[in-house]
Amino acid sequence: MKDALPRRHFLKACSLGIAGLGTIGPAAFAIEPFKRSEPVRLQLSLAAYSFRKFFSAGTLNLFQFVDYCAEHGCVGTELTSYYFPEDLDEAFLLKIRRHAYLRGIAISGTAVRNTFTYPPGAKRDKEIAWVKQWVDHAALMGAPHIRIFTGRAQQGVSMAESKKLCISAIEECGDYASKKGIFLGIENHGGIVAEVQDLLDIVRAVQSPWVGINLDTGNFHSDDPYRDLAACAPYAVNVQVKVEVRRGDAPKEKTDLARIVKLLRDAQYQGYVALEYEAKEDPWQAVPRWLEAMQEAFSA
C-alpha cells in the first residue's frame, strides 16, 4: 500500500514553510519538475525584443520579424507584446498567425510586462486582467507560452508577503490560462526572484500544471549563474538565451552555449530556446552569428 503523503512532498512542503510562505496545508504541496522523456528536443526561436530599437523606431514590424526568423533557420518566433499595435484587435492577431503559418514557422510565445506584488486593490486587479487578456491573445495566435514577471516588493510589504501575493495572482492567471491551453513562464527577472531560491519557492508553491519558469540565462548574477540555471531547468517551460552572463559585480562574459545546452539536456528540457539579444553590437550583425552558434550547439 502506497503512503498517502509521499516523503518527497512532505520535505518540499517543509522547505516552503521555512522560506517564509506560511503554513502549507495538505492541498498545497510543492509541484514536481516537469516529467519529460528522451530524446531531448531543443527548438530554435528568436525574441522580437532582440530588435527592440528598430521596433520602437518604426523601422521593423512583426510581419517583417517573422520573415527574418524564417529566413534565418528558426523553428519559432517569439513575438514580444510590446511591439503589437495599441489598437490591437482579433483581426491583427489572426493575420500574424496566418502569416507565420504560411512562412512555415511557429509562434513560440509572447511576453508581457506585469507586477504581481501589489496588495489587493485596483492596481493588482489591473495587472491580473492584463495577463488574462494576453492569454486570450496568445490563444488566438496559437502561441503556447507567455513570459510573465513577478515584480518587486512594494514599500512596506515584506518579502514573505510579496511571495504570497505573487503566488495567488499567478495561480489565478494560471487557472485562466489552463482553460486556453497556454503555459505561463515566470522569468528570473530581478525583484523578488533575483535569487534562485526565491524563484523556486514561488514556482513550487503555485498550484497549476500550466505554470513553470521562463529561464533567462542572463538574469542570475550570483558567483555561479550556471549552477542557478541548472537548479531551475527542470521547471522550465521556455528558455531565453542571452549572449552574456555576469558573475556578481564582475564584468560580463560571453555565454558558454555548450554549458547551457548540457544543463538543459541534463534536465531533459524539451521545447523552445529563444535567443534574446541584448549586447552592444548591432543585432543585424550579431544575431545571425548567434543563431548559427546555437544551432551548432544543439546538434553537437
C-alpha atoms as a PDB file:
ATOM      1  CA  MET A   1       0.000   0.000   0.000  1.00  0.00           C
ATOM      2  CA  LYS A   2       1.419   3.406  -1.009  1.00  0.00           C
ATOM      3  CA  ASP A   3       1.754   6.175   1.552  1.00  0.00           C
ATOM      4  CA  ALA A   4      -0.954   8.831   1.268  1.00  0.00           C
ATOM      5  CA  LEU A   5       1.736  11.502   1.706  1.00  0.00           C
ATOM      6  CA  PRO A   6       4.990  10.701  -0.167  1.00  0.00           C
ATOM      7  CA  ARG A   7       8.068  11.769   1.749  1.00  0.00           C
ATOM      8  CA  ARG A   8       9.360  13.962  -1.072  1.00  0.00           C
ATOM      9  CA  HIS A   9       6.164  16.032  -0.966  1.00  0.00           C
ATOM     10  CA  PHE A  10       6.461  16.442   2.773  1.00  0.00           C
ATOM     11  CA  LEU A  11      10.048  17.630   2.532  1.00  0.00           C
ATOM     12  CA  LYS A  12       9.191  20.135  -0.184  1.00  0.00           C
ATOM     13  CA  ALA A  13       6.264  21.453   1.804  1.00  0.00           C
ATOM     14  CA  CYS A  14       8.503  21.935   4.812  1.00  0.00           C
ATOM     15  CA  SER A  15      11.082  23.778   2.744  1.00  0.00           C
ATOM     16  CA  LEU A  16       8.426  26.222   1.535  1.00  0.00           C
ATOM     17  CA  GLY A  17       7.312  26.909   5.068  1.00  0.00           C
ATOM     18  CA  ILE A  18      10.889  27.654   6.070  1.00  0.00           C
ATOM     19  CA  ALA A  19      11.153  30.047   3.131  1.00  0.00           C
ATOM     20  CA  GLY A  20       8.505  32.261   4.690  1.00  0.00           C
ATOM     21  CA  LEU A  21       5.403  31.332   2.750  1.00  0.00           C
ATOM     22  CA  GLY A  22       3.467  30.329   5.848  1.00  0.00           C
ATOM     23  CA  THR A  23       1.928  27.018   6.790  1.00  0.00           C
ATOM     24  CA  ILE A  24       1.489  24.699   3.839  1.00  0.00           C
ATOM     25  CA  GLY A  25      -1.596  22.517   4.140  1.00  0.00           C
ATOM     26  CA  PRO A  26      -2.149  19.071   2.596  1.00  0.00           C
ATOM     27  CA  ALA A  27      -3.690  20.528  -0.574  1.00  0.00           C
ATOM     28  CA  ALA A  28      -0.769  22.845  -1.311  1.00  0.00           C
ATOM     29  CA  PHE A  29       2.271  20.630  -1.686  1.00  0.00           C
ATOM     30  CA  ALA A  30       5.062  21.772  -3.962  1.00  0.00           C
ATOM     31  CA  ILE A  31       4.778  20.840  -7.612  1.00  0.00           C
ATOM     32  CA  GLU A  32       7.204  18.365  -9.140  1.00  0.00           C
ATOM     33  CA  PRO A  33       9.563  19.199 -12.010  1.00  0.00           C
ATOM     34  CA  PHE A  34       8.080  18.509 -15.432  1.00  0.00           C
ATOM     35  CA  LYS A  35       8.340  14.872 -16.496  1.00  0.00           C
ATOM     36  CA  ARG A  36       9.911  14.532 -19.915  1.00  0.00           C
ATOM     37  CA  SER A  37      11.352  11.550 -21.725  1.00  0.00           C
ATOM     38  CA  GLU A  38      14.179  11.126 -24.213  1.00  0.00           C
ATOM     39  CA  PRO A  39      15.164  12.209 -26.751  1.00  0.00           C
ATOM     40  CA  VAL A  40      15.703  15.830 -25.769  1.00  0.00           C
ATOM     41  CA  ARG A  41      14.498  18.253 -28.454  1.00  0.00           C
ATOM     42  CA  LEU A  42      15.649  21.884 -28.459  1.00  0.00           C
ATOM     43  CA  GLN A  43      13.876  24.159 -30.938  1.00  0.00           C
ATOM     44  CA  LEU A  44      15.438  27.433 -32.039  1.00  0.00           C
ATOM     45  CA  SER A  45      13.441  30.646 -31.686  1.00  0.00           C
ATOM     46  CA  LEU A  46      14.229  34.355 -31.658  1.00  0.00           C
ATOM     47  CA  ALA A  47      12.708  37.007 -29.412  1.00  0.00           C
ATOM     48  CA  ALA A  48      11.464  40.191 -31.029  1.00  0.00           C
ATOM     49  CA  TYR A  49      12.998  42.069 -28.088  1.00  0.00           C
ATOM     50  CA  SER A  50      16.379  41.430 -29.768  1.00  0.00           C
ATOM     51  CA  PHE A  51      15.482  44.195 -32.254  1.00  0.00           C
ATOM     52  CA  ARG A  52      13.740  46.491 -29.747  1.00  0.00           C
ATOM     53  CA  LYS A  53      15.377  49.707 -31.011  1.00  0.00           C
ATOM     54  CA  PHE A  54      14.093  49.105 -34.532  1.00  0.00           C
ATOM     55  CA  PHE A  55      10.569  48.216 -33.406  1.00  0.00           C
ATOM     56  CA  SER A  56      10.494  51.370 -31.291  1.00  0.00           C
ATOM     57  CA  ALA A  57      11.770  53.465 -34.211  1.00  0.00           C
ATOM     58  CA  GLY A  58       9.085  52.061 -36.506  1.00  0.00           C
ATOM     59  CA  THR A  59      11.607  50.626 -38.983  1.00  0.00           C
ATOM     60  CA  LEU A  60      10.685  46.997 -38.242  1.00  0.00           C
ATOM     61  CA  ASN A  61       7.278  45.401 -37.767  1.00  0.00           C
ATOM     62  CA  LEU A  62       6.144  41.992 -36.541  1.00  0.00           C
ATOM     63  CA  PHE A  63       5.446  40.615 -40.012  1.00  0.00           C
ATOM     64  CA  GLN A  64       8.950  41.533 -41.155  1.00  0.00           C
ATOM     65  CA  PHE A  65      10.342  39.985 -37.980  1.00  0.00           C
ATOM     66  CA  VAL A  66       8.514  36.711 -38.652  1.00  0.00           C
ATOM     67  CA  ASP A  67      10.077  36.728 -42.131  1.00  0.00           C
ATOM     68  CA  TYR A  68      13.509  37.324 -40.596  1.00  0.00           C
ATOM     69  CA  CYS A  69      13.105  34.355 -38.242  1.00  0.00           C
ATOM     70  CA  ALA A  70      12.050  32.098 -41.115  1.00  0.00           C
ATOM     71  CA  GLU A  71      14.948  33.247 -43.265  1.00  0.00           C
ATOM     72  CA  HIS A  72      17.486  32.537 -40.509  1.00  0.00           C
ATOM     73  CA  GLY A  73      16.572  28.942 -39.789  1.00  0.00           C
ATOM     74  CA  CYS A  74      14.399  29.420 -36.719  1.00  0.00           C
ATOM     75  CA  VAL A  75      11.661  26.954 -35.840  1.00  0.00           C
ATOM     76  CA  GLY A  76       9.821  29.560 -33.784  1.00  0.00           C
ATOM     77  CA  THR A  77       9.338  33.293 -33.458  1.00  0.00           C
ATOM     78  CA  GLU A  78       8.740  34.946 -30.072  1.00  0.00           C
ATOM     79  CA  LEU A  79       6.512  37.990 -30.542  1.00  0.00           C
ATOM     80  CA  THR A  80       7.015  40.308 -27.573  1.00  0.00           C
ATOM     81  CA  SER A  81       3.759  42.051 -26.651  1.00  0.00           C
ATOM     82  CA  TYR A  82       5.424  45.474 -26.534  1.00  0.00           C
ATOM     83  CA  TYR A  83       5.517  45.669 -30.322  1.00  0.00           C
ATOM     84  CA  PHE A  84       1.885  44.970 -31.109  1.00  0.00           C
ATOM     85  CA  PRO A  85      -0.291  47.952 -32.138  1.00  0.00           C
ATOM     86  CA  GLU A  86      -2.063  49.870 -29.383  1.00  0.00           C
ATOM     87  CA  ASP A  87      -5.385  49.288 -31.119  1.00  0.00           C
ATOM     88  CA  LEU A  88      -4.769  45.541 -31.190  1.00  0.00           C
ATOM     89  CA  ASP A  89      -7.764  43.508 -32.291  1.00  0.00           C
ATOM     90  CA  GLU A  90      -8.683  39.962 -33.253  1.00  0.00           C
ATOM     91  CA  ALA A  91      -8.113  40.636 -36.936  1.00  0.00           C
ATOM     92  CA  PHE A  92      -4.452  41.575 -36.350  1.00  0.00           C
ATOM     93  CA  LEU A  93      -3.812  38.514 -34.183  1.00  0.00           C
ATOM     94  CA  LEU A  94      -5.280  36.199 -36.810  1.00  0.00           C
ATOM     95  CA  LYS A  95      -3.339  37.972 -39.555  1.00  0.00           C
ATOM     96  CA  ILE A  96       0.004  37.448 -37.800  1.00  0.00           C
ATOM     97  CA  ARG A  97      -0.927  33.820 -37.085  1.00  0.00           C
ATOM     98  CA  ARG A  98      -1.718  33.257 -40.766  1.00  0.00           C
ATOM     99  CA  HIS A  99       1.489  34.974 -41.858  1.00  0.00           C
ATOM    100  CA  ALA A 100       3.641  32.820 -39.568  1.00  0.00           C
ATOM    101  CA  TYR A 101       1.928  29.640 -40.729  1.00  0.00           C
ATOM    102  CA  LEU A 102       2.466  30.455 -44.381  1.00  0.00           C
ATOM    103  CA  ARG A 103       6.149  31.111 -43.644  1.00  0.00           C
ATOM    104  CA  GLY A 104       6.361  27.659 -42.043  1.00  0.00           C
ATOM    105  CA  ILE A 105       7.216  28.977 -38.610  1.00  0.00           C
ATOM    106  CA  ALA A 106       5.550  28.597 -35.204  1.00  0.00           C
ATOM    107  CA  ILE A 107       4.768  31.476 -32.874  1.00  0.00           C
ATOM    108  CA  SER A 108       6.674  30.057 -29.919  1.00  0.00           C
ATOM    109  CA  GLY A 109       5.239  32.538 -27.435  1.00  0.00           C
ATOM    110  CA  THR A 110       4.869  36.112 -26.362  1.00  0.00           C
ATOM    111  CA  ALA A 111       5.937  38.176 -23.349  1.00  0.00           C
ATOM    112  CA  VAL A 112       4.220  40.754 -21.147  1.00  0.00           C
ATOM    113  CA  ARG A 113       5.162  43.300 -18.508  1.00  0.00           C
ATOM    114  CA  ASN A 114       3.308  42.836 -15.241  1.00  0.00           C
ATOM    115  CA  THR A 115       3.652  43.308 -11.486  1.00  0.00           C
ATOM    116  CA  PHE A 116       2.017  40.781  -9.161  1.00  0.00           C
ATOM    117  CA  THR A 117       3.323  42.155  -5.864  1.00  0.00           C
ATOM    118  CA  TYR A 118       0.716  44.893  -5.488  1.00  0.00           C
ATOM    119  CA  PRO A 119      -1.598  44.453  -2.479  1.00  0.00           C
ATOM    120  CA  PRO A 120      -5.310  43.822  -3.118  1.00  0.00           C
ATOM    121  CA  GLY A 121      -6.888  46.717  -4.972  1.00  0.00           C
ATOM    122  CA  ALA A 122      -7.282  48.356  -8.353  1.00  0.00           C
ATOM    123  CA  LYS A 123      -3.597  48.165  -9.369  1.00  0.00           C
ATOM    124  CA  ARG A 124      -3.426  44.443  -8.664  1.00  0.00           C
ATOM    125  CA  ASP A 125      -6.726  43.765 -10.427  1.00  0.00           C
ATOM    126  CA  LYS A 126      -5.470  45.624 -13.494  1.00  0.00           C
ATOM    127  CA  GLU A 127      -2.279  43.573 -13.667  1.00  0.00           C
ATOM    128  CA  ILE A 128      -4.157  40.285 -13.393  1.00  0.00           C
ATOM    129  CA  ALA A 129      -6.671  41.382 -16.035  1.00  0.00           C
ATOM    130  CA  TRP A 130      -3.795  42.366 -18.341  1.00  0.00           C
ATOM    131  CA  VAL A 131      -2.184  38.924 -18.182  1.00  0.00           C
ATOM    132  CA  LYS A 132      -5.555  37.236 -18.741  1.00  0.00           C
ATOM    133  CA  GLN A 133      -6.126  39.457 -21.779  1.00  0.00           C
ATOM    134  CA  TRP A 134      -2.814  38.289 -23.227  1.00  0.00           C
ATOM    135  CA  VAL A 135      -3.785  34.694 -22.530  1.00  0.00           C
ATOM    136  CA  ASP A 136      -6.712  35.328 -24.874  1.00  0.00           C
ATOM    137  CA  HIS A 137      -4.393  36.961 -27.421  1.00  0.00           C
ATOM    138  CA  ALA A 138      -1.923  34.076 -27.248  1.00  0.00           C
ATOM    139  CA  ALA A 139      -4.707  31.560 -27.781  1.00  0.00           C
ATOM    140  CA  LEU A 140      -5.855  33.404 -30.914  1.00  0.00           C
ATOM    141  CA  MET A 141      -2.313  33.478 -32.285  1.00  0.00           C
ATOM    142  CA  GLY A 142      -1.677  29.838 -31.472  1.00  0.00           C
ATOM    143  CA  ALA A 143       1.191  30.806 -29.153  1.00  0.00           C
ATOM    144  CA  PRO A 144       1.593  28.205 -26.379  1.00  0.00           C
ATOM    145  CA  HIS A 145       3.548  30.296 -23.869  1.00  0.00           C
ATOM    146  CA  ILE A 146       3.575  33.724 -22.208  1.00  0.00           C
ATOM    147  CA  ARG A 147       6.571  35.073 -20.312  1.00  0.00           C
ATOM    148  CA  ILE A 148       5.417  36.834 -17.122  1.00  0.00           C
ATOM    149  CA  PHE A 149       7.161  38.753 -14.340  1.00  0.00           C
ATOM    150  CA  THR A 150       6.654  38.781 -10.592  1.00  0.00           C
ATOM    151  CA  GLY A 151       7.625  42.336  -9.645  1.00  0.00           C
ATOM    152  CA  ARG A 152       9.436  43.980  -6.767  1.00  0.00           C
ATOM    153  CA  ALA A 153       8.379  44.069  -3.144  1.00  0.00           C
ATOM    154  CA  GLN A 154       6.229  47.162  -2.620  1.00  0.00           C
ATOM    155  CA  GLN A 155       7.119  49.709   0.042  1.00  0.00           C
ATOM    156  CA  GLY A 156       6.246  48.419   3.490  1.00  0.00           C
ATOM    157  CA  VAL A 157       5.497  44.889   2.249  1.00  0.00           C
ATOM    158  CA  SER A 158       7.718  42.041   3.449  1.00  0.00           C
ATOM    159  CA  MET A 159       9.379  39.523   1.174  1.00  0.00           C
ATOM    160  CA  ALA A 160       7.214  36.724   2.565  1.00  0.00           C
ATOM    161  CA  GLU A 161       4.007  38.659   1.950  1.00  0.00           C
ATOM    162  CA  SER A 162       5.215  39.662  -1.520  1.00  0.00           C
ATOM    163  CA  LYS A 163       5.687  35.994  -2.375  1.00  0.00           C
ATOM    164  CA  LYS A 164       2.182  35.170  -1.179  1.00  0.00           C
ATOM    165  CA  LEU A 165       0.691  37.993  -3.234  1.00  0.00           C
ATOM    166  CA  CYS A 166       2.594  36.848  -6.297  1.00  0.00           C
ATOM    167  CA  ILE A 167       1.656  33.198  -5.858  1.00  0.00           C
ATOM    168  CA  SER A 168      -2.050  33.925  -5.562  1.00  0.00           C
ATOM    169  CA  ALA A 169      -2.017  36.159  -8.674  1.00  0.00           C
ATOM    170  CA  ILE A 170      -0.109  33.564 -10.691  1.00  0.00           C
ATOM    171  CA  GLU A 171      -2.493  30.836  -9.577  1.00  0.00           C
ATOM    172  CA  GLU A 172      -5.490  32.894 -10.686  1.00  0.00           C
ATOM    173  CA  CYS A 173      -3.901  33.591 -14.062  1.00  0.00           C
ATOM    174  CA  GLY A 174      -2.675  30.008 -14.335  1.00  0.00           C
ATOM    175  CA  ASP A 175      -6.196  28.716 -13.801  1.00  0.00           C
ATOM    176  CA  TYR A 176      -7.425  31.011 -16.573  1.00  0.00           C
ATOM    177  CA  ALA A 177      -4.548  30.019 -18.872  1.00  0.00           C
ATOM    178  CA  SER A 178      -5.245  26.319 -18.290  1.00  0.00           C
ATOM    179  CA  LYS A 179      -8.659  26.724 -19.901  1.00  0.00           C
ATOM    180  CA  LYS A 180      -6.983  28.127 -23.034  1.00  0.00           C
ATOM    181  CA  GLY A 181      -4.070  25.681 -23.179  1.00  0.00           C
ATOM    182  CA  ILE A 182      -1.451  28.385 -22.527  1.00  0.00           C
ATOM    183  CA  PHE A 183       1.647  27.983 -20.344  1.00  0.00           C
ATOM    184  CA  LEU A 184       2.817  30.848 -18.140  1.00  0.00           C
ATOM    185  CA  GLY A 185       6.557  31.100 -17.557  1.00  0.00           C
ATOM    186  CA  ILE A 186       7.809  33.094 -14.555  1.00  0.00           C
ATOM    187  CA  GLU A 187      11.033  34.807 -15.556  1.00  0.00           C
ATOM    188  CA  ASN A 188      14.024  35.144 -13.242  1.00  0.00           C
ATOM    189  CA  HIS A 189      13.850  38.894 -13.794  1.00  0.00           C
ATOM    190  CA  GLY A 190      15.110  40.585 -10.643  1.00  0.00           C
ATOM    191  CA  GLY A 191      12.723  41.875  -7.994  1.00  0.00           C
ATOM    192  CA  ILE A 192      11.555  39.155  -5.641  1.00  0.00           C
ATOM    193  CA  VAL A 193      13.020  36.452  -7.916  1.00  0.00           C
ATOM    194  CA  ALA A 194      16.536  37.861  -8.255  1.00  0.00           C
ATOM    195  CA  GLU A 195      17.808  34.920  -6.190  1.00  0.00           C
ATOM    196  CA  VAL A 196      17.323  31.357  -7.358  1.00  0.00           C
ATOM    197  CA  GLN A 197      15.775  30.036  -4.132  1.00  0.00           C
ATOM    198  CA  ASP A 198      13.074  32.705  -4.105  1.00  0.00           C
ATOM    199  CA  LEU A 199      12.089  31.824  -7.662  1.00  0.00           C
ATOM    200  CA  LEU A 200      11.990  28.122  -6.809  1.00  0.00           C
ATOM    201  CA  ASP A 201       9.912  28.822  -3.692  1.00  0.00           C
ATOM    202  CA  ILE A 202       7.298  30.563  -5.815  1.00  0.00           C
ATOM    203  CA  VAL A 203       7.121  28.163  -8.745  1.00  0.00           C
ATOM    204  CA  ARG A 204       6.990  25.144  -6.443  1.00  0.00           C
ATOM    205  CA  ALA A 205       4.145  26.681  -4.460  1.00  0.00           C
ATOM    206  CA  VAL A 206       1.943  27.669  -7.401  1.00  0.00           C
ATOM    207  CA  GLN A 207      -0.794  25.098  -7.816  1.00  0.00           C
ATOM    208  CA  SER A 208      -1.069  24.877 -11.596  1.00  0.00           C
ATOM    209  CA  PRO A 209       0.330  22.377 -14.116  1.00  0.00           C
ATOM    210  CA  TRP A 210       0.320  25.227 -16.650  1.00  0.00           C
ATOM    211  CA  VAL A 211       2.882  27.376 -14.794  1.00  0.00           C
ATOM    212  CA  GLY A 212       6.648  26.982 -14.889  1.00  0.00           C
ATOM    213  CA  ILE A 213       9.806  29.028 -15.336  1.00  0.00           C
ATOM    214  CA  ASN A 214      10.813  31.176 -18.288  1.00  0.00           C
ATOM    215  CA  LEU A 215      14.517  30.566 -17.851  1.00  0.00           C
ATOM    216  CA  ASP A 216      16.573  33.600 -18.846  1.00  0.00           C
ATOM    217  CA  THR A 217      20.241  32.668 -18.987  1.00  0.00           C
ATOM    218  CA  GLY A 218      21.484  36.205 -18.352  1.00  0.00           C
ATOM    219  CA  ASN A 219      19.481  37.191 -15.293  1.00  0.00           C
ATOM    220  CA  PHE A 220      21.164  35.394 -12.392  1.00  0.00           C
ATOM    221  CA  HIS A 221      24.173  37.319 -11.085  1.00  0.00           C
ATOM    222  CA  SER A 222      25.481  35.028  -8.361  1.00  0.00           C
ATOM    223  CA  ASP A 223      29.033  33.658  -8.179  1.00  0.00           C
ATOM    224  CA  ASP A 224      27.873  30.770 -10.402  1.00  0.00           C
ATOM    225  CA  PRO A 225      24.914  31.629 -12.666  1.00  0.00           C
ATOM    226  CA  TYR A 226      25.139  28.254 -14.423  1.00  0.00           C
ATOM    227  CA  ARG A 227      24.529  26.467 -11.120  1.00  0.00           C
ATOM    228  CA  ASP A 228      21.399  28.573 -10.600  1.00  0.00           C
ATOM    229  CA  LEU A 229      20.178  27.916 -14.139  1.00  0.00           C
ATOM    230  CA  ALA A 230      20.665  24.175 -13.663  1.00  0.00           C
ATOM    231  CA  ALA A 231      18.551  24.281 -10.495  1.00  0.00           C
ATOM    232  CA  CYS A 232      15.686  25.924 -12.403  1.00  0.00           C
ATOM    233  CA  ALA A 233      15.907  23.984 -15.670  1.00  0.00           C
ATOM    234  CA  PRO A 234      13.636  21.091 -14.542  1.00  0.00           C
ATOM    235  CA  TYR A 235      10.807  23.630 -14.147  1.00  0.00           C
ATOM    236  CA  ALA A 236      11.407  25.451 -17.451  1.00  0.00           C
ATOM    237  CA  VAL A 237       8.587  25.881 -19.962  1.00  0.00           C
ATOM    238  CA  ASN A 238      10.598  28.254 -22.147  1.00  0.00           C
ATOM    239  CA  VAL A 239      14.240  29.319 -22.357  1.00  0.00           C
ATOM    240  CA  GLN A 240      15.671  32.667 -23.407  1.00  0.00           C
ATOM    241  CA  VAL A 241      19.385  32.745 -24.139  1.00  0.00           C
ATOM    242  CA  LYS A 242      21.359  35.917 -23.562  1.00  0.00           C
ATOM    243  CA  VAL A 243      24.790  36.131 -25.157  1.00  0.00           C
ATOM    244  CA  GLU A 244      26.420  37.356 -21.938  1.00  0.00           C
ATOM    245  CA  VAL A 245      26.366  36.335 -18.282  1.00  0.00           C
ATOM    246  CA  ARG A 246      27.627  38.204 -15.220  1.00  0.00           C
ATOM    247  CA  ARG A 247      29.028  36.785 -12.005  1.00  0.00           C
ATOM    248  CA  GLY A 248      28.265  39.194  -9.168  1.00  0.00           C
ATOM    249  CA  ASP A 249      29.875  42.564  -9.839  1.00  0.00           C
ATOM    250  CA  ALA A 250      32.410  41.147 -12.300  1.00  0.00           C
ATOM    251  CA  PRO A 251      32.397  42.297 -15.934  1.00  0.00           C
ATOM    252  CA  LYS A 252      30.078  40.453 -18.279  1.00  0.00           C
ATOM    253  CA  GLU A 253      31.456  37.382 -20.010  1.00  0.00           C
ATOM    254  CA  LYS A 254      30.437  35.542 -23.162  1.00  0.00           C
ATOM    255  CA  THR A 255      27.769  32.908 -22.604  1.00  0.00           C
ATOM    256  CA  ASP A 256      29.017  29.323 -22.735  1.00  0.00           C
ATOM    257  CA  LEU A 257      26.454  27.827 -25.121  1.00  0.00           C
ATOM    258  CA  ALA A 258      27.756  24.281 -24.703  1.00  0.00           C
ATOM    259  CA  ARG A 259      27.254  24.541 -20.952  1.00  0.00           C
ATOM    260  CA  ILE A 260      23.731  25.925 -21.403  1.00  0.00           C
ATOM    261  CA  VAL A 261      22.810  23.091 -23.744  1.00  0.00           C
ATOM    262  CA  LYS A 262      24.268  20.494 -21.359  1.00  0.00           C
ATOM    263  CA  LEU A 263      22.298  21.733 -18.354  1.00  0.00           C
ATOM    264  CA  LEU A 264      19.111  21.769 -20.432  1.00  0.00           C
ATOM    265  CA  ARG A 265      19.762  18.239 -21.636  1.00  0.00           C
ATOM    266  CA  ASP A 266      20.569  17.083 -18.117  1.00  0.00           C
ATOM    267  CA  ALA A 267      17.157  18.417 -17.048  1.00  0.00           C
ATOM    268  CA  GLN A 268      15.564  16.742 -20.116  1.00  0.00           C
ATOM    269  CA  TYR A 269      14.149  20.115 -21.121  1.00  0.00           C
ATOM    270  CA  GLN A 270      12.285  19.975 -24.399  1.00  0.00           C
ATOM    271  CA  GLY A 271      10.905  22.962 -26.225  1.00  0.00           C
ATOM    272  CA  TYR A 272      11.823  26.388 -27.496  1.00  0.00           C
ATOM    273  CA  VAL A 273      15.151  28.054 -26.814  1.00  0.00           C
ATOM    274  CA  ALA A 274      14.884  31.670 -27.936  1.00  0.00           C
ATOM    275  CA  LEU A 275      17.802  33.999 -28.497  1.00  0.00           C
ATOM    276  CA  GLU A 276      17.071  37.286 -26.727  1.00  0.00           C
ATOM    277  CA  TYR A 277      19.896  39.526 -27.839  1.00  0.00           C
ATOM    278  CA  GLU A 278      20.841  42.463 -25.588  1.00  0.00           C
ATOM    279  CA  ALA A 279      24.566  43.040 -26.191  1.00  0.00           C
ATOM    280  CA  LYS A 280      26.048  46.240 -27.597  1.00  0.00           C
ATOM    281  CA  GLU A 281      26.927  45.031 -31.087  1.00  0.00           C
ATOM    282  CA  ASP A 282      24.430  45.777 -33.853  1.00  0.00           C
ATOM    283  CA  PRO A 283      21.862  42.936 -33.772  1.00  0.00           C
ATOM    284  CA  TRP A 284      21.688  42.827 -37.575  1.00  0.00           C
ATOM    285  CA  GLN A 285      25.332  41.732 -37.494  1.00  0.00           C
ATOM    286  CA  ALA A 286      25.410  39.705 -34.274  1.00  0.00           C
ATOM    287  CA  VAL A 287      22.088  37.851 -34.255  1.00  0.00           C
ATOM    288  CA  PRO A 288      22.744  35.696 -37.358  1.00  0.00           C
ATOM    289  CA  ARG A 289      26.073  34.546 -35.885  1.00  0.00           C
ATOM    290  CA  TRP A 290      24.488  33.669 -32.562  1.00  0.00           C
ATOM    291  CA  LEU A 291      21.616  31.812 -34.176  1.00  0.00           C
ATOM    292  CA  GLU A 292      24.116  29.758 -36.143  1.00  0.00           C
ATOM    293  CA  ALA A 293      26.160  29.102 -32.980  1.00  0.00           C
ATOM    294  CA  MET A 294      23.022  27.979 -31.145  1.00  0.00           C
ATOM    295  CA  GLN A 295      22.094  25.596 -33.968  1.00  0.00           C
ATOM    296  CA  GLU A 296      25.585  24.106 -33.829  1.00  0.00           C
ATOM    297  CA  ALA A 297      25.387  23.729 -30.049  1.00  0.00           C
ATOM    298  CA  PHE A 298      22.011  21.974 -30.319  1.00  0.00           C
ATOM    299  CA  SER A 299      23.390  19.438 -32.797  1.00  0.00           C
ATOM    300  CA  ALA A 300      26.742  18.819 -31.064  1.00  0.00           C
END
